[in-house]
Protein backbone atom coordinates (compact mmCIF):
# COMPACT_ATOMS: atom_id res chain seq x y z
CA MET A 1 103.41 87.53 100.06
CA LYS A 2 106.68 89.46 100.05
CA ARG A 3 106.13 92.08 97.39
CA ILE A 4 108.35 94.87 96.02
CA LEU A 5 106.76 97.90 94.37
CA VAL A 6 108.93 99.76 91.87
CA GLY A 7 107.99 103.20 90.58
CA ILE A 8 109.12 104.23 87.11
CA LYS A 9 108.74 107.32 84.94
CA ARG A 10 108.53 107.76 81.17
CA VAL A 11 111.17 110.22 79.95
CA VAL A 12 112.92 111.20 76.72
CA ASP A 13 115.67 108.64 76.12
CA TYR A 14 119.01 109.77 77.51
CA ASN A 15 120.67 109.29 74.10
CA VAL A 16 118.33 111.80 72.44
CA ARG A 17 119.45 115.39 72.00
CA ILE A 18 116.88 117.61 73.67
CA ARG A 19 115.37 120.36 71.51
CA VAL A 20 113.28 123.25 72.83
CA LYS A 21 110.04 124.09 71.01
CA PRO A 22 110.21 127.27 68.92
CA ASP A 23 107.62 129.00 71.13
CA GLY A 24 109.54 128.10 74.33
CA THR A 25 106.61 126.22 75.89
CA GLY A 26 108.49 122.97 76.41
CA VAL A 27 110.75 120.42 74.75
CA VAL A 28 110.04 118.52 71.55
CA THR A 29 108.63 115.04 72.24
CA ASP A 30 106.78 114.26 68.99
CA GLY A 31 108.58 111.46 67.19
CA VAL A 32 111.19 111.27 69.94
CA LYS A 33 112.24 107.98 71.51
CA MET A 34 110.90 107.60 75.06
CA SER A 35 112.33 105.21 77.64
CA ILE A 36 112.26 104.24 81.30
CA ASN A 37 114.06 106.82 83.42
CA PRO A 38 117.60 105.36 83.84
CA PHE A 39 117.58 105.58 87.65
CA ASP A 40 114.19 103.84 87.74
CA GLU A 41 115.60 101.10 85.51
CA ILE A 42 118.31 100.59 88.14
CA ALA A 43 115.61 100.41 90.83
CA LEU A 44 113.77 97.73 88.86
CA GLU A 45 116.95 95.74 88.29
CA GLU A 46 117.69 95.74 92.02
CA ALA A 47 114.15 94.57 92.83
CA LEU A 48 114.53 91.72 90.36
CA ARG A 49 117.86 90.72 91.90
CA ILE A 50 116.34 90.73 95.38
CA LYS A 51 113.57 88.45 94.12
CA GLU A 52 116.08 86.14 92.43
CA ARG A 53 117.95 85.84 95.75
CA GLY A 54 114.73 84.78 97.45
CA GLY A 55 114.09 88.07 99.22
CA ALA A 56 110.73 88.67 97.50
CA ASP A 57 107.96 86.68 95.84
CA GLU A 58 106.67 89.31 93.41
CA VAL A 59 107.85 92.51 91.74
CA VAL A 60 105.15 95.01 90.75
CA VAL A 61 106.04 98.01 88.60
CA ALA A 62 103.91 101.16 88.61
CA THR A 63 103.85 104.56 86.95
CA VAL A 64 101.74 107.70 86.77
CA GLY A 65 101.38 109.13 83.29
CA PRO A 66 99.56 109.09 79.93
CA ALA A 67 98.32 105.97 78.14
CA ASP A 68 101.49 105.85 76.02
CA THR A 69 103.42 104.90 79.18
CA GLN A 70 102.20 101.33 78.66
CA GLN A 71 105.17 100.87 76.33
CA GLN A 72 107.63 101.50 79.16
CA LEU A 73 105.63 99.26 81.50
CA ARG A 74 105.83 96.46 78.93
CA THR A 75 109.59 96.96 78.83
CA ALA A 76 109.67 96.62 82.62
CA LEU A 77 107.63 93.42 82.36
CA ALA A 78 110.07 92.13 79.77
CA MET A 79 112.91 92.79 82.19
CA GLY A 80 111.21 90.46 84.66
CA ALA A 81 108.51 92.32 86.61
CA ASP A 82 105.45 90.18 87.37
CA ARG A 83 102.69 92.80 87.09
CA ALA A 84 102.29 96.42 86.01
CA LEU A 85 100.03 99.23 87.19
CA LEU A 86 99.34 102.36 85.17
CA VAL A 87 97.75 105.30 86.95
CA GLN A 88 96.58 107.22 83.91
CA ALA A 89 96.96 111.00 84.05
CA ASP A 90 97.73 113.58 81.39
CA GLY A 91 99.82 116.71 81.70
CA VAL A 92 102.66 117.46 84.08
CA ILE A 93 102.76 115.19 87.12
CA GLU A 94 104.57 116.88 90.00
CA PRO A 95 106.37 114.83 92.70
CA LEU A 96 103.67 115.40 95.33
CA VAL A 97 100.93 114.10 93.02
CA ALA A 98 103.06 111.11 92.00
CA ALA A 99 103.82 110.31 95.65
CA ARG A 100 100.15 110.51 96.63
CA ALA A 101 99.21 108.17 93.79
CA LEU A 102 101.97 105.73 94.76
CA LEU A 103 100.76 105.86 98.37
CA LYS A 104 97.32 104.67 97.24
CA LEU A 105 99.00 101.81 95.38
CA VAL A 106 101.06 101.01 98.47
CA GLU A 107 97.89 100.79 100.55
CA ARG A 108 96.42 98.49 97.93
CA GLU A 109 99.43 96.24 97.32
CA GLN A 110 100.97 96.24 100.84
CA PRO A 111 104.59 95.88 99.63
CA LEU A 112 107.50 94.94 101.84
CA LEU A 113 109.67 97.46 100.02
CA VAL A 114 109.22 100.37 97.61
CA ILE A 115 112.17 101.19 95.35
CA LEU A 116 112.41 104.32 93.19
CA GLY A 117 115.14 105.99 91.20
CA LYS A 118 116.73 108.90 93.04
CA GLN A 119 115.55 111.38 90.39
CA ALA A 120 114.16 111.69 86.87
CA ILE A 121 116.44 112.99 84.13
CA ASP A 122 113.78 115.34 82.75
CA ASP A 123 112.98 117.56 85.76
CA ASP A 124 115.75 116.44 88.20
CA ASN A 125 113.51 117.09 91.21
CA GLY A 126 114.60 114.06 93.25
CA GLN A 127 111.65 114.39 95.63
CA THR A 128 109.15 111.58 95.04
CA ALA A 129 110.81 108.91 97.21
CA GLN A 130 111.21 111.27 100.17
CA ILE A 131 107.63 112.55 99.92
CA LEU A 132 106.26 109.02 99.67
CA ALA A 133 108.15 107.93 102.80
CA ALA A 134 106.77 110.93 104.70
CA LEU A 135 103.19 110.31 103.55
CA TRP A 136 103.49 106.59 104.32
CA ASN A 137 105.18 107.33 107.65
CA ARG A 138 107.84 104.69 106.99
CA PRO A 139 111.68 104.77 107.04
CA GLN A 140 113.60 105.86 103.98
CA ALA A 141 117.13 105.41 102.64
CA THR A 142 118.12 107.54 99.66
CA TYR A 143 120.90 107.34 97.04
CA ALA A 144 121.56 103.65 97.67
CA SER A 145 124.70 102.14 96.15
CA LYS A 146 124.18 98.76 97.87
CA ILE A 147 121.10 97.05 99.34
CA GLU A 148 121.06 93.96 101.56
CA ILE A 149 117.77 92.49 102.82
CA THR A 150 117.89 90.44 106.02
CA GLY A 151 114.58 89.38 107.49
CA GLU A 152 112.60 92.51 108.37
CA THR A 153 115.58 94.87 107.92
CA ALA A 154 117.29 96.46 104.92
CA ARG A 155 120.93 97.52 105.17
CA VAL A 156 121.60 100.33 102.71
CA THR A 157 124.98 101.74 101.78
CA ARG A 158 124.69 105.27 100.42
CA GLU A 159 127.16 107.77 99.04
CA VAL A 160 127.60 111.01 100.98
CA ASP A 161 130.09 113.86 100.75
CA ALA A 162 132.39 112.29 103.35
CA GLY A 163 132.37 108.84 101.73
CA LEU A 164 129.99 105.94 102.40
CA GLU A 165 127.24 105.77 105.00
CA THR A 166 125.47 102.56 106.09
CA LEU A 167 121.88 102.64 107.34
CA ASP A 168 119.72 99.88 108.79
CA VAL A 169 116.02 100.54 108.17
CA ASP A 170 113.02 98.53 109.30
CA LEU A 171 110.74 97.20 106.59
CA PRO A 172 108.43 98.26 105.03
CA ALA A 173 110.55 101.16 103.78
CA VAL A 174 111.25 103.39 100.78
CA ILE A 175 114.63 103.25 99.04
CA SER A 176 115.88 105.41 96.18
CA THR A 177 118.70 104.14 93.99
CA ASP A 178 121.92 105.74 92.81
CA LEU A 179 123.83 105.16 89.58
CA ARG A 180 126.42 102.75 91.02
CA LEU A 181 123.96 100.26 92.51
CA ASN A 182 123.89 97.94 89.49
CA GLU A 183 123.82 97.68 85.72
CA PRO A 184 120.34 96.88 84.34
CA ARG A 185 119.97 93.75 82.23
CA TYR A 186 119.29 93.76 78.52
CA VAL A 187 115.82 92.86 77.35
CA LYS A 188 115.73 89.86 74.99
CA LEU A 189 113.15 89.17 72.28
CA PRO A 190 111.65 86.09 74.00
CA ASP A 191 111.14 88.16 77.15
CA ILE A 192 109.38 90.86 75.13
CA MET A 193 106.99 88.26 73.75
CA LYS A 194 106.30 86.83 77.22
CA ALA A 195 105.67 90.32 78.60
CA LYS A 196 102.66 90.73 76.30
CA LYS A 197 100.83 88.09 78.34
CA LYS A 198 101.62 89.58 81.75
CA PRO A 199 98.89 91.60 83.50
CA LEU A 200 98.89 95.38 83.08
CA ASP A 201 96.10 97.17 84.95
CA THR A 202 95.06 100.73 84.15
CA LEU A 203 93.14 103.00 86.50
CA PRO A 204 92.43 106.74 86.29
CA LEU A 205 94.16 109.01 88.78
CA ALA A 206 90.78 110.33 89.95
CA ASP A 207 89.70 106.81 90.97
CA LEU A 208 92.46 106.85 93.59
CA GLY A 209 91.09 110.05 95.08
CA VAL A 210 94.13 112.05 94.02
CA GLN A 211 93.76 115.45 92.38
CA ALA A 212 96.17 116.24 89.53
CA ARG A 213 96.95 119.79 90.53
CA THR A 214 100.12 121.74 89.81
CA GLN A 215 101.85 124.07 92.24
CA LEU A 216 104.69 125.10 89.96
CA LYS A 217 104.11 127.25 86.89
CA LEU A 218 106.56 126.72 84.04
CA VAL A 219 106.90 130.06 82.32
CA ARG A 220 109.42 129.44 79.55
CA PHE A 221 111.99 126.94 78.32
CA GLU A 222 115.29 128.06 76.81
CA ALA A 223 118.21 126.12 75.42
CA PRO A 224 121.54 126.73 77.22
CA PRO A 225 123.75 129.36 75.57
CA GLN A 226 126.27 128.04 73.10
CA ARG A 227 129.76 127.76 74.56
CA GLN A 228 132.47 129.94 73.10
CA LYS A 229 135.23 128.29 71.16
CA GLY A 230 138.30 127.62 73.27
CA ILE A 231 141.89 128.58 72.46
CA ARG A 232 145.11 126.61 72.80
CA VAL A 233 148.14 128.19 74.50
CA LYS A 234 151.78 127.11 74.31
CA ASP A 235 152.85 127.71 77.91
CA ALA A 236 151.85 129.17 81.28
CA ALA A 237 153.01 132.67 80.34
CA GLU A 238 150.72 132.76 77.32
CA LEU A 239 147.86 131.43 79.48
CA VAL A 240 148.33 134.23 82.02
CA ASP A 241 148.48 136.81 79.21
CA ALA A 242 145.23 135.47 77.69
CA LEU A 243 143.47 135.59 81.06
CA LYS A 244 144.62 139.19 81.58
CA LYS A 245 143.22 140.21 78.19
CA LYS A 246 139.84 138.76 79.20
CA GLY A 247 139.95 140.64 82.48
CA LEU A 248 140.06 137.45 84.51
CA LEU A 249 143.34 138.34 86.25
């Protein structure tokens, strides 16, 4: 069976204004709307489109996180994924741990393609896809803005500093998606109801033989300093004068 595995992450919704906890130990998440990481949503949409074009038989969505992540997996199922896998783990999950857990799922599911978002909007590491490809010892194509599947090959167009770069990678492979790849579909109420009947399997991280260790110590969180109020000038001469007064010229 031609199968696509899509990795997603549960993050604070991008429309929510982030607030730092008073003690500086993290950001406020209690009572805050949580959603699928936007780049991962794009990855899922692309997998669904590949399946709809006949390039895959099944789309499996997976995540590593707490039990509450089932809500985001159900959303992914409502979008059109066939099955969901939750690797349950509490606390901070670093990219290396996530990649090792996904590798175990890859060995179990034997997908033709693994698609991930290029980065998560909470930590902005952008490492999981690359680490997974290295651990799996398979080709990778990052920051994809276009994906074409032909037989046992994927042609990926990616954005680089000089413009666009096209790569041909042998499958199985790992691809990470960029913002311009597609626009994810809206979830409709009938799809939400159907998603409740789709299989969602939960397994502890320890059962995969992966240790949830952290290598990065987060010391303190601080909100960015408030920007100073700007001033309006009438002409270039007044602008130069204002810059001189601030010692910038």
